[in-house]
Amino acid sequence: MSSLYAKLIDVIERQITPLAGAIGQQKYVTSIRDGFITALPFMIVGSFLLVFIFPPFSPDTTWGFARAWLQFSLDHRDALMLPFNFSMGVMTLFIAVGIAASLAKHHHLDSLTAGMLSLMSFLLVAAPLKDGQISTAYFSGQGIFTAILVAIYSTELYAFLKRHNITIRLPPEVPAGVARSFEILIPVLAIILTLHPLNLFIEAQLG
């Protein structure tokens, strides 16, 4: 038994551990990890807010403090839910931006630009209009997988265009900030022209 255990440990140390280490250093894995770390503070605060919004007491409690807390949370539920809705309730937006910003560093790209492109990509595919209003159904946990995909896609497309110098170049006299804005036009158009038709096709097929 001890010999079998020793062999198992040896296999883990020689084969599985190096493989796990290599996977852990893969750029997509580290970017996804960093994206979740970026969103973590908002998720933690949102979780604490839930405890305050929904007090951990039975409705039929006789303790005065607990009854006052319960009544306060009922009377002001909408106001109390607002911070939660804009922290935990939109955590997927933070994840999408965080993943793209981290992945952009691997490609030596501007993190802020990559984050904004990712945010636009996510809204394009996961925030459809319903009765003239944007649906937020996928802004919480439901849209995490979509956020991961669009963050990677938008950043890789941005990197591809940058690598092949597919951009709008302005004369040197133009201020750097204005020039950067025009450089991003091509990635923005490329994302819209690829993701939006694909999204419309999927919606038409799946309803």
Foldseek 3Di string as FASTA:
>chain_A
DVVVVVVVVVCCVPPVVVVVVVVCPDQLNVLLVQLVVQLVVLQVVLVVLVCQLCPPDDCPDPDPVSVVSPVVSVVCVVVSCVSNCVRQVQSLLSSLLSSLLSSLVVLVHHSNLLSVQLSVLCQLQPFDDDPNGTDSPLRHPNVNVVSSVSSVVLNVLLSVCVVVVVADADDPVDDPVVRVVRRCVVSNVVSCVPRNVVSVVVVVVVD
